[in-house]
Structure formats: structure tokens, C-alpha cells
N, C-alpha and C. Protein backbone atom coordinates (compact mmCIF):
# COMPACT_ATOMS: atom_id res chain seq x y z
N UNK A 1 0.84 -1.16 0.00
CA UNK A 1 0.00 0.00 0.00
C UNK A 1 0.89 1.24 0.00
N UNK A 2 0.57 2.18 -0.84
CA UNK A 2 1.32 3.43 -0.90
C UNK A 2 0.56 4.51 -0.15
N UNK A 3 1.27 5.25 0.68
CA UNK A 3 0.67 6.32 1.45
C UNK A 3 1.36 7.63 1.12
N UNK A 4 0.62 8.72 1.14
CA UNK A 4 1.19 10.04 0.88
C UNK A 4 1.51 10.69 2.22
N UNK A 5 2.78 10.87 2.56
CA UNK A 5 3.15 11.42 3.86
C UNK A 5 2.91 12.92 3.99
N UNK A 6 2.32 13.54 2.98
CA UNK A 6 2.06 14.98 3.04
C UNK A 6 0.92 15.33 3.99
N UNK A 7 0.03 14.36 4.28
CA UNK A 7 -1.11 14.66 5.15
C UNK A 7 -1.69 13.37 5.73
N UNK A 8 -2.44 13.51 6.83
CA UNK A 8 -3.14 12.37 7.43
C UNK A 8 -4.33 12.01 6.56
N UNK A 9 -4.71 10.71 6.57
CA UNK A 9 -5.73 10.23 5.65
C UNK A 9 -6.64 9.21 6.31
N UNK A 10 -7.87 9.14 5.82
CA UNK A 10 -8.81 8.07 6.17
C UNK A 10 -9.44 7.62 4.87
N UNK A 11 -9.41 6.32 4.62
CA UNK A 11 -10.04 5.81 3.40
C UNK A 11 -10.39 4.34 3.57
N UNK A 12 -11.17 3.81 2.65
CA UNK A 12 -11.62 2.42 2.68
C UNK A 12 -10.98 1.68 1.52
N UNK A 13 -10.45 0.49 1.82
CA UNK A 13 -9.81 -0.34 0.80
C UNK A 13 -10.21 -1.79 1.05
N UNK A 14 -10.37 -2.57 0.00
CA UNK A 14 -10.69 -3.99 0.16
C UNK A 14 -9.45 -4.77 0.58
N UNK A 15 -9.62 -5.69 1.52
CA UNK A 15 -8.53 -6.55 1.97
C UNK A 15 -8.07 -7.41 0.79
N UNK A 16 -6.77 -7.53 0.61
CA UNK A 16 -6.21 -8.33 -0.48
C UNK A 16 -6.42 -9.82 -0.27
N UNK A 17 -6.68 -10.25 0.97
CA UNK A 17 -6.83 -11.66 1.28
C UNK A 17 -8.29 -12.09 1.24
N UNK A 18 -9.17 -11.37 1.99
CA UNK A 18 -10.56 -11.81 2.12
C UNK A 18 -11.56 -10.94 1.37
N UNK A 19 -11.11 -9.84 0.76
CA UNK A 19 -11.93 -8.91 -0.03
C UNK A 19 -12.94 -8.11 0.79
N UNK A 20 -12.95 -8.23 2.12
CA UNK A 20 -13.82 -7.41 2.95
C UNK A 20 -13.25 -6.00 3.02
N UNK A 21 -14.14 -4.99 3.12
CA UNK A 21 -13.66 -3.61 3.20
C UNK A 21 -13.00 -3.34 4.56
N UNK A 22 -11.93 -2.55 4.52
CA UNK A 22 -11.20 -2.16 5.72
C UNK A 22 -11.06 -0.64 5.70
N UNK A 23 -11.44 0.00 6.82
CA UNK A 23 -11.26 1.44 6.96
C UNK A 23 -9.88 1.70 7.53
N UNK A 24 -9.10 2.51 6.84
CA UNK A 24 -7.72 2.78 7.24
C UNK A 24 -7.60 4.23 7.69
N UNK A 25 -6.92 4.42 8.81
CA UNK A 25 -6.62 5.75 9.34
C UNK A 25 -5.11 5.83 9.48
N UNK A 26 -4.49 6.77 8.80
CA UNK A 26 -3.04 6.95 8.90
C UNK A 26 -2.76 8.40 9.26
N UNK A 27 -1.84 8.60 10.18
CA UNK A 27 -1.50 9.94 10.66
C UNK A 27 -0.01 10.19 10.48
N UNK A 28 0.30 11.33 9.89
CA UNK A 28 1.68 11.74 9.66
C UNK A 28 1.94 13.05 10.38
N UNK A 29 3.14 13.21 10.88
CA UNK A 29 3.61 14.48 11.43
C UNK A 29 4.99 14.73 10.86
N UNK A 30 5.14 15.87 10.19
CA UNK A 30 6.41 16.25 9.57
C UNK A 30 6.95 15.14 8.65
N UNK A 31 6.07 14.50 7.91
CA UNK A 31 6.47 13.49 6.94
C UNK A 31 6.73 12.10 7.51
N UNK A 32 6.54 11.92 8.84
CA UNK A 32 6.76 10.61 9.46
C UNK A 32 5.44 10.01 9.92
N UNK A 33 5.30 8.71 9.70
CA UNK A 33 4.11 7.99 10.15
C UNK A 33 4.12 7.90 11.67
N UNK A 34 3.06 8.44 12.30
CA UNK A 34 2.98 8.43 13.77
C UNK A 34 1.79 7.62 14.26
N UNK A 35 0.88 7.23 13.36
CA UNK A 35 -0.26 6.43 13.76
C UNK A 35 -0.88 5.70 12.58
N UNK A 36 -1.34 4.48 12.85
CA UNK A 36 -1.97 3.66 11.82
C UNK A 36 -3.02 2.79 12.49
N UNK A 37 -4.22 2.76 11.93
CA UNK A 37 -5.29 1.92 12.45
C UNK A 37 -6.06 1.34 11.28
N UNK A 38 -6.38 0.05 11.35
CA UNK A 38 -7.18 -0.63 10.32
C UNK A 38 -8.36 -1.29 11.01
N UNK A 39 -9.57 -0.96 10.54
CA UNK A 39 -10.79 -1.49 11.15
C UNK A 39 -11.58 -2.22 10.07
N UNK A 40 -11.89 -3.50 10.32
CA UNK A 40 -12.71 -4.26 9.37
C UNK A 40 -14.15 -3.76 9.46
N UNK A 41 -14.74 -3.46 8.33
CA UNK A 41 -16.09 -2.90 8.27
C UNK A 41 -17.10 -4.03 8.09
N UNK A 42 -18.20 -3.97 8.83
CA UNK A 42 -19.30 -4.88 8.63
C UNK A 42 -19.15 -6.24 9.27
N UNK A 43 -18.26 -6.40 10.21
CA UNK A 43 -18.08 -7.70 10.86
C UNK A 43 -18.42 -7.60 12.33
């Protein structure tokens, strides 16, 4: 997965293994990843 370190992001992507949607939250500060959370949707 490619992430843009220019800003924090929230988006939904299908899991490559089970195809269920996953909500992703990524947080960057000064170009460095400081937080990452993945939540399976609908389970």
C-alpha cells in the first residue's frame, strides 16, 4: 500500500486476502508515520 506522507488520511480499501472492506486511518507528522489503524467494516 502506498501512502502520501504529506497529510493524514482516512479511506476504505478492500482486503487483499478476504476482499472485505477495511477502513484505514493513517497519521503523519512532519512526513513521518505516527499512527496507523485498520478497522474491518461490517463484521
